[in-house]
Amino acid sequence: MLAGIVLIVIGLIKFDSRQGKTMLVVGLALGSLGGLDTAAREHFAGYKSHATVLAGVPAVAVAAALYFAQLPWPVVFIGAAATFAAAVSLLWQRYH
């Protein structure tokens, strides 16, 4: 987490350069992984509210894949929304 925060700060300071933008993206990714780790551990320890955070991970992955495949925005949105709904449903089943 600390490395992610440091990279975000440096990336914002040097945002005008390609290296600064890369640092910002890597910092955001590291920070997101730290948050994902905490959400996953707490979800499997019994906190239902973390199901929505965890469901966002495959939804973002599907949205990114559809976006980079250059599909229209409605397709990207519908694909991400369907993935999110399916993931939330699967994660909530653990508690019922």
PDB file of N, CA and C in Angstrom:
ATOM      1  N   MET A   1       0.829  -1.184   0.000  1.00  0.00           N
ATOM      2  CA  MET A   1       0.000   0.000   0.000  1.00  0.00           C
ATOM      3  C   MET A   1       0.881   1.257   0.000  1.00  0.00           C
ATOM      4  N   LEU A   2       1.921   1.218   0.801  1.00  0.00           N
ATOM      5  CA  LEU A   2       2.791   2.388   0.891  1.00  0.00           C
ATOM      6  C   LEU A   2       3.449   2.684  -0.454  1.00  0.00           C
ATOM      7  N   ALA A   3       3.908   1.644  -1.136  1.00  0.00           N
ATOM      8  CA  ALA A   3       4.525   1.840  -2.453  1.00  0.00           C
ATOM      9  C   ALA A   3       3.519   2.438  -3.430  1.00  0.00           C
ATOM     10  N   GLY A   4       2.276   1.991  -3.352  1.00  0.00           N
ATOM     11  CA  GLY A   4       1.237   2.534  -4.211  1.00  0.00           C
ATOM     12  C   GLY A   4       0.982   4.007  -3.941  1.00  0.00           C
ATOM     13  N   ILE A   5       0.933   4.380  -2.677  1.00  0.00           N
ATOM     14  CA  ILE A   5       0.711   5.776  -2.312  1.00  0.00           C
ATOM     15  C   ILE A   5       1.867   6.642  -2.790  1.00  0.00           C
ATOM     16  N   VAL A   6       3.087   6.166  -2.592  1.00  0.00           N
ATOM     17  CA  VAL A   6       4.264   6.926  -3.031  1.00  0.00           C
ATOM     18  C   VAL A   6       4.239   7.109  -4.555  1.00  0.00           C
ATOM     19  N   LEU A   7       3.927   6.043  -5.290  1.00  0.00           N
ATOM     20  CA  LEU A   7       3.881   6.144  -6.746  1.00  0.00           C
ATOM     21  C   LEU A   7       2.770   7.082  -7.218  1.00  0.00           C
ATOM     22  N   ILE A   8       1.646   7.088  -6.529  1.00  0.00           N
ATOM     23  CA  ILE A   8       0.562   8.000  -6.886  1.00  0.00           C
ATOM     24  C   ILE A   8       1.007   9.447  -6.714  1.00  0.00           C
ATOM     25  N   VAL A   9       1.633   9.740  -5.593  1.00  0.00           N
ATOM     26  CA  VAL A   9       2.086  11.112  -5.335  1.00  0.00           C
ATOM     27  C   VAL A   9       3.124  11.546  -6.369  1.00  0.00           C
ATOM     28  N   ILE A  10       4.122  10.702  -6.614  1.00  0.00           N
ATOM     29  CA  ILE A  10       5.159  11.044  -7.593  1.00  0.00           C
ATOM     30  C   ILE A  10       4.552  11.150  -8.996  1.00  0.00           C
ATOM     31  N   GLY A  11       3.638  10.256  -9.307  1.00  0.00           N
ATOM     32  CA  GLY A  11       2.976  10.297 -10.603  1.00  0.00           C
ATOM     33  C   GLY A  11       2.181  11.572 -10.809  1.00  0.00           C
ATOM     34  N   LEU A  12       1.541  12.061  -9.760  1.00  0.00           N
ATOM     35  CA  LEU A  12       0.802  13.322  -9.869  1.00  0.00           C
ATOM     36  C   LEU A  12       1.745  14.510 -10.031  1.00  0.00           C
ATOM     37  N   ILE A  13       2.883  14.450  -9.359  1.00  0.00           N
ATOM     38  CA  ILE A  13       3.858  15.537  -9.473  1.00  0.00           C
ATOM     39  C   ILE A  13       4.456  15.580 -10.880  1.00  0.00           C
ATOM     40  N   LYS A  14       4.747  14.411 -11.439  1.00  0.00           N
ATOM     41  CA  LYS A  14       5.375  14.323 -12.768  1.00  0.00           C
ATOM     42  C   LYS A  14       4.358  13.933 -13.842  1.00  0.00           C
ATOM     43  N   PHE A  15       3.123  14.352 -13.701  1.00  0.00           N
ATOM     44  CA  PHE A  15       2.049  13.897 -14.582  1.00  0.00           C
ATOM     45  C   PHE A  15       2.253  14.275 -16.046  1.00  0.00           C
ATOM     46  N   ASP A  16       3.017  15.317 -16.317  1.00  0.00           N
ATOM     47  CA  ASP A  16       3.224  15.767 -17.696  1.00  0.00           C
ATOM     48  C   ASP A  16       4.090  14.817 -18.524  1.00  0.00           C
ATOM     49  N   SER A  17       4.834  13.953 -17.855  1.00  0.00           N
ATOM     50  CA  SER A  17       5.708  13.032 -18.591  1.00  0.00           C
ATOM     51  C   SER A  17       5.068  11.647 -18.688  1.00  0.00           C
ATOM     52  N   ARG A  18       5.552  10.857 -19.627  1.00  0.00           N
ATOM     53  CA  ARG A  18       5.061   9.482 -19.789  1.00  0.00           C
ATOM     54  C   ARG A  18       5.389   8.647 -18.548  1.00  0.00           C
ATOM     55  N   GLN A  19       6.561   8.879 -17.979  1.00  0.00           N
ATOM     56  CA  GLN A  19       6.982   8.149 -16.783  1.00  0.00           C
ATOM     57  C   GLN A  19       6.057   8.470 -15.608  1.00  0.00           C
ATOM     58  N   GLY A  20       5.651   9.726 -15.474  1.00  0.00           N
ATOM     59  CA  GLY A  20       4.750  10.113 -14.398  1.00  0.00           C
ATOM     60  C   GLY A  20       3.394   9.451 -14.533  1.00  0.00           C
ATOM     61  N   LYS A  21       2.880   9.372 -15.758  1.00  0.00           N
ATOM     62  CA  LYS A  21       1.585   8.714 -15.983  1.00  0.00           C
ATOM     63  C   LYS A  21       1.680   7.225 -15.677  1.00  0.00           C
ATOM     64  N   THR A  22       2.809   6.622 -16.042  1.00  0.00           N
ATOM     65  CA  THR A  22       3.015   5.208 -15.736  1.00  0.00           C
ATOM     66  C   THR A  22       3.062   4.981 -14.226  1.00  0.00           C
ATOM     67  N   MET A  23       3.766   5.848 -13.517  1.00  0.00           N
ATOM     68  CA  MET A  23       3.827   5.730 -12.055  1.00  0.00           C
ATOM     69  C   MET A  23       2.446   5.870 -11.435  1.00  0.00           C
ATOM     70  N   LEU A  24       1.645   6.781 -11.960  1.00  0.00           N
ATOM     71  CA  LEU A  24       0.302   6.979 -11.442  1.00  0.00           C
ATOM     72  C   LEU A  24      -0.553   5.729 -11.634  1.00  0.00           C
ATOM     73  N   VAL A  25      -0.503   5.146 -12.816  1.00  0.00           N
ATOM     74  CA  VAL A  25      -1.298   3.947 -13.096  1.00  0.00           C
ATOM     75  C   VAL A  25      -0.830   2.775 -12.231  1.00  0.00           C
ATOM     76  N   VAL A  26       0.476   2.590 -12.114  1.00  0.00           N
ATOM     77  CA  VAL A  26       1.000   1.491 -11.289  1.00  0.00           C
ATOM     78  C   VAL A  26       0.652   1.724  -9.817  1.00  0.00           C
ATOM     79  N   GLY A  27       0.740   2.958  -9.360  1.00  0.00           N
ATOM     80  CA  GLY A  27       0.369   3.281  -7.986  1.00  0.00           C
ATOM     81  C   GLY A  27      -1.099   2.990  -7.712  1.00  0.00           C
ATOM     82  N   LEU A  28      -1.957   3.364  -8.655  1.00  0.00           N
ATOM     83  CA  LEU A  28      -3.387   3.072  -8.492  1.00  0.00           C
ATOM     84  C   LEU A  28      -3.641   1.564  -8.476  1.00  0.00           C
ATOM     85  N   ALA A  29      -2.923   0.828  -9.322  1.00  0.00           N
ATOM     86  CA  ALA A  29      -3.077  -0.631  -9.349  1.00  0.00           C
ATOM     87  C   ALA A  29      -2.625  -1.255  -8.031  1.00  0.00           C
ATOM     88  N   LEU A  30      -1.493  -0.809  -7.503  1.00  0.00           N
ATOM     89  CA  LEU A  30      -1.006  -1.358  -6.226  1.00  0.00           C
ATOM     90  C   LEU A  30      -1.961  -1.028  -5.080  1.00  0.00           C
ATOM     91  N   GLY A  31      -2.461   0.200  -5.061  1.00  0.00           N
ATOM     92  CA  GLY A  31      -3.421   0.578  -4.028  1.00  0.00           C
ATOM     93  C   GLY A  31      -4.704  -0.234  -4.126  1.00  0.00           C
ATOM     94  N   SER A  32      -5.159  -0.477  -5.353  1.00  0.00           N
ATOM     95  CA  SER A  32      -6.366  -1.275  -5.561  1.00  0.00           C
ATOM     96  C   SER A  32      -6.166  -2.714  -5.107  1.00  0.00           C
ATOM     97  N   LEU A  33      -4.981  -3.258  -5.366  1.00  0.00           N
ATOM     98  CA  LEU A  33      -4.701  -4.627  -4.921  1.00  0.00           C
ATOM     99  C   LEU A  33      -4.691  -4.729  -3.397  1.00  0.00           C
ATOM    100  N   GLY A  34      -4.171  -3.706  -2.740  1.00  0.00           N
ATOM    101  CA  GLY A  34      -4.188  -3.696  -1.276  1.00  0.00           C
ATOM    102  C   GLY A  34      -5.602  -3.660  -0.740  1.00  0.00           C
ATOM    103  N   GLY A  35      -6.446  -2.852  -1.350  1.00  0.00           N
ATOM    104  CA  GLY A  35      -7.849  -2.791  -0.942  1.00  0.00           C
ATOM    105  C   GLY A  35      -8.587  -4.078  -1.252  1.00  0.00           C
ATOM    106  N   LEU A  36      -8.270  -4.676  -2.390  1.00  0.00           N
ATOM    107  CA  LEU A  36      -8.901  -5.939  -2.774  1.00  0.00           C
ATOM    108  C   LEU A  36      -8.525  -7.051  -1.796  1.00  0.00           C
ATOM    109  N   ASP A  37      -7.291  -7.074  -1.369  1.00  0.00           N
ATOM    110  CA  ASP A  37      -6.836  -8.070  -0.394  1.00  0.00           C
ATOM    111  C   ASP A  37      -7.651  -7.972   0.894  1.00  0.00           C
ATOM    112  N   THR A  38      -7.814  -6.757   1.386  1.00  0.00           N
ATOM    113  CA  THR A  38      -8.577  -6.553   2.618  1.00  0.00           C
ATOM    114  C   THR A  38     -10.035  -6.941   2.421  1.00  0.00           C
ATOM    115  N   ALA A  39     -10.625  -6.533   1.301  1.00  0.00           N
ATOM    116  CA  ALA A  39     -12.023  -6.861   1.035  1.00  0.00           C
ATOM    117  C   ALA A  39     -12.232  -8.371   0.937  1.00  0.00           C
ATOM    118  N   ALA A  40     -11.316  -9.075   0.284  1.00  0.00           N
ATOM    119  CA  ALA A  40     -11.445 -10.528   0.148  1.00  0.00           C
ATOM    120  C   ALA A  40     -11.337 -11.228   1.502  1.00  0.00           C
ATOM    121  N   ARG A  41     -10.363 -10.828   2.296  1.00  0.00           N
ATOM    122  CA  ARG A  41     -10.216 -11.455   3.616  1.00  0.00           C
ATOM    123  C   ARG A  41     -11.442 -11.213   4.487  1.00  0.00           C
ATOM    124  N   GLU A  42     -11.957  -9.987   4.493  1.00  0.00           N
ATOM    125  CA  GLU A  42     -13.116  -9.683   5.323  1.00  0.00           C
ATOM    126  C   GLU A  42     -14.379 -10.348   4.783  1.00  0.00           C
ATOM    127  N   HIS A  43     -14.502 -10.460   3.465  1.00  0.00           N
ATOM    128  CA  HIS A  43     -15.671 -11.120   2.883  1.00  0.00           C
ATOM    129  C   HIS A  43     -15.737 -12.576   3.333  1.00  0.00           C
ATOM    130  N   PHE A  44     -14.619 -13.271   3.233  1.00  0.00           N
ATOM    131  CA  PHE A  44     -14.616 -14.679   3.607  1.00  0.00           C
ATOM    132  C   PHE A  44     -14.574 -14.889   5.116  1.00  0.00           C
ATOM    133  N   ALA A  45     -14.426 -13.790   5.865  1.00  0.00           N
ATOM    134  CA  ALA A  45     -14.538 -13.860   7.323  1.00  0.00           C
ATOM    135  C   ALA A  45     -15.974 -13.591   7.769  1.00  0.00           C
ATOM    136  N   GLY A  46     -16.845 -13.190   6.845  1.00  0.00           N
ATOM    137  CA  GLY A  46     -18.243 -13.051   7.187  1.00  0.00           C
ATOM    138  C   GLY A  46     -18.894 -11.702   6.943  1.00  0.00           C
ATOM    139  N   TYR A  47     -18.215 -10.768   6.331  1.00  0.00           N
ATOM    140  CA  TYR A  47     -18.821  -9.461   6.048  1.00  0.00           C
ATOM    141  C   TYR A  47     -19.464  -9.490   4.663  1.00  0.00           C
ATOM    142  N   LYS A  48     -20.796  -9.552   4.637  1.00  0.00           N
ATOM    143  CA  LYS A  48     -21.513  -9.643   3.368  1.00  0.00           C
ATOM    144  C   LYS A  48     -21.326  -8.409   2.496  1.00  0.00           C
ATOM    145  N   SER A  49     -21.153  -7.256   3.111  1.00  0.00           N
ATOM    146  CA  SER A  49     -21.094  -6.018   2.339  1.00  0.00           C
ATOM    147  C   SER A  49     -19.915  -5.980   1.367  1.00  0.00           C
ATOM    148  N   HIS A  50     -18.932  -6.822   1.572  1.00  0.00           N
ATOM    149  CA  HIS A  50     -17.762  -6.825   0.690  1.00  0.00           C
ATOM    150  C   HIS A  50     -18.021  -7.567  -0.621  1.00  0.00           C
ATOM    151  N   ALA A  51     -19.185  -8.195  -0.743  1.00  0.00           N
ATOM    152  CA  ALA A  51     -19.519  -8.905  -1.979  1.00  0.00           C
ATOM    153  C   ALA A  51     -19.572  -7.943  -3.158  1.00  0.00           C
ATOM    154  N   THR A  52     -20.086  -6.734  -2.943  1.00  0.00           N
ATOM    155  CA  THR A  52     -20.179  -5.790  -4.049  1.00  0.00           C
ATOM    156  C   THR A  52     -18.797  -5.293  -4.475  1.00  0.00           C
ATOM    157  N   VAL A  53     -17.902  -5.112  -3.528  1.00  0.00           N
ATOM    158  CA  VAL A  53     -16.538  -4.683  -3.870  1.00  0.00           C
ATOM    159  C   VAL A  53     -15.848  -5.773  -4.682  1.00  0.00           C
ATOM    160  N   LEU A  54     -15.975  -7.007  -4.250  1.00  0.00           N
ATOM    161  CA  LEU A  54     -15.335  -8.115  -4.950  1.00  0.00           C
ATOM    162  C   LEU A  54     -15.966  -8.353  -6.324  1.00  0.00           C
ATOM    163  N   ALA A  55     -17.263  -8.119  -6.446  1.00  0.00           N
ATOM    164  CA  ALA A  55     -17.941  -8.308  -7.738  1.00  0.00           C
ATOM    165  C   ALA A  55     -17.492  -7.268  -8.752  1.00  0.00           C
ATOM    166  N   GLY A  56     -16.989  -6.166  -8.286  1.00  0.00           N
ATOM    167  CA  GLY A  56     -16.505  -5.136  -9.194  1.00  0.00           C
ATOM    168  C   GLY A  56     -15.259  -5.556  -9.953  1.00  0.00           C
ATOM    169  N   VAL A  57     -14.492  -6.464  -9.403  1.00  0.00           N
ATOM    170  CA  VAL A  57     -13.234  -6.884 -10.049  1.00  0.00           C
ATOM    171  C   VAL A  57     -13.499  -7.569 -11.399  1.00  0.00           C
ATOM    172  N   PRO A  58     -14.320  -8.612 -11.456  1.00  0.00           N
ATOM    173  CA  PRO A  58     -14.560  -9.208 -12.780  1.00  0.00           C
ATOM    174  C   PRO A  58     -15.335  -8.268 -13.702  1.00  0.00           C
ATOM    175  N   ALA A  59     -16.175  -7.415 -13.135  1.00  0.00           N
ATOM    176  CA  ALA A  59     -16.920  -6.465 -13.967  1.00  0.00           C
ATOM    177  C   ALA A  59     -15.976  -5.484 -14.652  1.00  0.00           C
ATOM    178  N   VAL A  60     -14.999  -4.990 -13.928  1.00  0.00           N
ATOM    179  CA  VAL A  60     -14.019  -4.072 -14.524  1.00  0.00           C
ATOM    180  C   VAL A  60     -13.178  -4.807 -15.563  1.00  0.00           C
ATOM    181  N   ALA A  61     -12.819  -6.042 -15.286  1.00  0.00           N
ATOM    182  CA  ALA A  61     -12.029  -6.825 -16.249  1.00  0.00           C
ATOM    183  C   ALA A  61     -12.805  -7.034 -17.549  1.00  0.00           C
ATOM    184  N   VAL A  62     -14.090  -7.357 -17.441  1.00  0.00           N
ATOM    185  CA  VAL A  62     -14.913  -7.549 -18.638  1.00  0.00           C
ATOM    186  C   VAL A  62     -15.078  -6.228 -19.380  1.00  0.00           C
ATOM    187  N   ALA A  63     -15.325  -5.150 -18.638  1.00  0.00           N
ATOM    188  CA  ALA A  63     -15.466  -3.832 -19.275  1.00  0.00           C
ATOM    189  C   ALA A  63     -14.190  -3.452 -20.015  1.00  0.00           C
ATOM    190  N   ALA A  64     -13.044  -3.709 -19.406  1.00  0.00           N
ATOM    191  CA  ALA A  64     -11.772  -3.386 -20.058  1.00  0.00           C
ATOM    192  C   ALA A  64     -11.584  -4.216 -21.319  1.00  0.00           C
ATOM    193  N   ALA A  65     -11.891  -5.497 -21.252  1.00  0.00           N
ATOM    194  CA  ALA A  65     -11.736  -6.363 -22.430  1.00  0.00           C
ATOM    195  C   ALA A  65     -12.653  -5.914 -23.562  1.00  0.00           C
ATOM    196  N   LEU A  66     -13.892  -5.589 -23.235  1.00  0.00           N
ATOM    197  CA  LEU A  66     -14.832  -5.135 -24.258  1.00  0.00           C
ATOM    198  C   LEU A  66     -14.437  -3.776 -24.825  1.00  0.00           C
ATOM    199  N   TYR A  67     -13.934  -2.910 -23.957  1.00  0.00           N
ATOM    200  CA  TYR A  67     -13.494  -1.588 -24.408  1.00  0.00           C
ATOM    201  C   TYR A  67     -12.320  -1.703 -25.375  1.00  0.00           C
ATOM    202  N   PHE A  68     -11.329  -2.514 -25.009  1.00  0.00           N
ATOM    203  CA  PHE A  68     -10.161  -2.666 -25.869  1.00  0.00           C
ATOM    204  C   PHE A  68     -10.468  -3.458 -27.140  1.00  0.00           C
ATOM    205  N   ALA A  69     -11.583  -4.193 -27.136  1.00  0.00           N
ATOM    206  CA  ALA A  69     -12.049  -4.847 -28.360  1.00  0.00           C
ATOM    207  C   ALA A  69     -12.788  -3.851 -29.249  1.00  0.00           C
ATOM    208  N   GLN A  70     -12.883  -2.611 -28.782  1.00  0.00           N
ATOM    209  CA  GLN A  70     -13.497  -1.490 -29.494  1.00  0.00           C
ATOM    210  C   GLN A  70     -14.976  -1.718 -29.795  1.00  0.00           C
ATOM    211  N   LEU A  71     -15.672  -2.307 -28.826  1.00  0.00           N
ATOM    212  CA  LEU A  71     -17.117  -2.480 -28.966  1.00  0.00           C
ATOM    213  C   LEU A  71     -17.822  -1.202 -28.546  1.00  0.00           C
ATOM    214  N   PRO A  72     -19.047  -0.993 -28.978  1.00  0.00           N
ATOM    215  CA  PRO A  72     -19.782   0.227 -28.606  1.00  0.00           C
ATOM    216  C   PRO A  72     -20.023   0.309 -27.097  1.00  0.00           C
ATOM    217  N   TRP A  73     -20.147   1.542 -26.597  1.00  0.00           N
ATOM    218  CA  TRP A  73     -20.324   1.756 -25.156  1.00  0.00           C
ATOM    219  C   TRP A  73     -21.515   1.000 -24.566  1.00  0.00           C
ATOM    220  N   PRO A  74     -22.659   0.925 -25.231  1.00  0.00           N
ATOM    221  CA  PRO A  74     -23.758   0.156 -24.629  1.00  0.00           C
ATOM    222  C   PRO A  74     -23.397  -1.312 -24.402  1.00  0.00           C
ATOM    223  N   VAL A  75     -22.622  -1.883 -25.309  1.00  0.00           N
ATOM    224  CA  VAL A  75     -22.198  -3.284 -25.154  1.00  0.00           C
ATOM    225  C   VAL A  75     -21.250  -3.414 -23.968  1.00  0.00           C
ATOM    226  N   VAL A  76     -20.331  -2.465 -23.829  1.00  0.00           N
ATOM    227  CA  VAL A  76     -19.394  -2.472 -22.705  1.00  0.00           C
ATOM    228  C   VAL A  76     -20.170  -2.382 -21.389  1.00  0.00           C
ATOM    229  N   PHE A  77     -21.135  -1.460 -21.326  1.00  0.00           N
ATOM    230  CA  PHE A  77     -21.912  -1.272 -20.106  1.00  0.00           C
ATOM    231  C   PHE A  77     -22.747  -2.509 -19.774  1.00  0.00           C
ATOM    232  N   ILE A  78     -23.438  -3.052 -20.756  1.00  0.00           N
ATOM    233  CA  ILE A  78     -24.287  -4.222 -20.509  1.00  0.00           C
ATOM    234  C   ILE A  78     -23.439  -5.429 -20.103  1.00  0.00           C
ATOM    235  N   GLY A  79     -22.305  -5.618 -20.748  1.00  0.00           N
ATOM    236  CA  GLY A  79     -21.427  -6.729 -20.379  1.00  0.00           C
ATOM    237  C   GLY A  79     -20.896  -6.599 -18.963  1.00  0.00           C
ATOM    238  N   ALA A  80     -20.477  -5.388 -18.591  1.00  0.00           N
ATOM    239  CA  ALA A  80     -19.970  -5.166 -17.236  1.00  0.00           C
ATOM    240  C   ALA A  80     -21.084  -5.320 -16.207  1.00  0.00           C
ATOM    241  N   ALA A  81     -22.268  -4.795 -16.514  1.00  0.00           N
ATOM    242  CA  ALA A  81     -23.395  -4.891 -15.574  1.00  0.00           C
ATOM    243  C   ALA A  81     -23.827  -6.344 -15.370  1.00  0.00           C
ATOM    244  N   ALA A  82     -23.881  -7.107 -16.448  1.00  0.00           N
ATOM    245  CA  ALA A  82     -24.259  -8.521 -16.330  1.00  0.00           C
ATOM    246  C   ALA A  82     -23.223  -9.307 -15.529  1.00  0.00           C
ATOM    247  N   THR A  83     -21.964  -9.022 -15.772  1.00  0.00           N
ATOM    248  CA  THR A  83     -20.902  -9.691 -15.013  1.00  0.00           C
ATOM    249  C   THR A  83     -20.983  -9.326 -13.538  1.00  0.00           C
ATOM    250  N   PHE A  84     -21.214  -8.046 -13.252  1.00  0.00           N
ATOM    251  CA  PHE A  84     -21.330  -7.595 -11.868  1.00  0.00           C
ATOM    252  C   PHE A  84     -22.499  -8.288 -11.173  1.00  0.00           C
ATOM    253  N   ALA A  85     -23.652  -8.350 -11.846  1.00  0.00           N
ATOM    254  CA  ALA A  85     -24.833  -8.984 -11.249  1.00  0.00           C
ATOM    255  C   ALA A  85     -24.589 -10.466 -10.973  1.00  0.00           C
ATOM    256  N   ALA A  86     -23.962 -11.150 -11.912  1.00  0.00           N
ATOM    257  CA  ALA A  86     -23.676 -12.578 -11.716  1.00  0.00           C
ATOM    258  C   ALA A  86     -22.688 -12.788 -10.573  1.00  0.00           C
ATOM    259  N   ALA A  87     -21.674 -11.950 -10.501  1.00  0.00           N
ATOM    260  CA  ALA A  87     -20.675 -12.097  -9.441  1.00  0.00           C
ATOM    261  C   ALA A  87     -21.266 -11.798  -8.073  1.00  0.00           C
ATOM    262  N   VAL A  88     -22.095 -10.758  -7.971  1.00  0.00           N
ATOM    263  CA  VAL A  88     -22.740 -10.448  -6.688  1.00  0.00           C
ATOM    264  C   VAL A  88     -23.620 -11.616  -6.258  1.00  0.00           C
ATOM    265  N   SER A  89     -24.360 -12.169  -7.205  1.00  0.00           N
ATOM    266  CA  SER A  89     -25.231 -13.302  -6.889  1.00  0.00           C
ATOM    267  C   SER A  89     -24.423 -14.485  -6.354  1.00  0.00           C
ATOM    268  N   LEU A  90     -23.331 -14.805  -7.023  1.00  0.00           N
ATOM    269  CA  LEU A  90     -22.496 -15.927  -6.573  1.00  0.00           C
ATOM    270  C   LEU A  90     -21.862 -15.662  -5.208  1.00  0.00           C
ATOM    271  N   LEU A  91     -21.395 -14.443  -4.992  1.00  0.00           N
ATOM    272  CA  LEU A  91     -20.760 -14.123  -3.708  1.00  0.00           C
ATOM    273  C   LEU A  91     -21.763 -14.083  -2.561  1.00  0.00           C
ATOM    274  N   TRP A  92     -23.003 -13.657  -2.835  1.00  0.00           N
ATOM    275  CA  TRP A  92     -24.014 -13.626  -1.783  1.00  0.00           C
ATOM    276  C   TRP A  92     -24.515 -15.016  -1.438  1.00  0.00           C
ATOM    277  N   GLN A  93     -24.402 -15.974  -2.358  1.00  0.00           N
ATOM    278  CA  GLN A  93     -24.866 -17.340  -2.085  1.00  0.00           C
ATOM    279  C   GLN A  93     -24.120 -17.976  -0.923  1.00  0.00           C
ATOM    280  N   ARG A  94     -22.951 -17.502  -0.637  1.00  0.00           N
ATOM    281  CA  ARG A  94     -22.163 -18.033   0.466  1.00  0.00           C
ATOM    282  C   ARG A  94     -22.882 -17.857   1.803  1.00  0.00           C
ATOM    283  N   TYR A  95     -23.773 -16.884   1.883  1.00  0.00           N
ATOM    284  CA  TYR A  95     -24.433 -16.571   3.155  1.00  0.00           C
ATOM    285  C   TYR A  95     -25.841 -17.094   3.249  1.00  0.00           C
ATOM    286  N   HIS A  96     -26.353 -17.745   2.204  1.00  0.00           N
ATOM    287  CA  HIS A  96     -27.738 -18.221   2.240  1.00  0.00           C
ATOM    288  C   HIS A  96     -27.798 -19.720   2.148  1.00  0.00           C
TER     289      HIS A  96
END
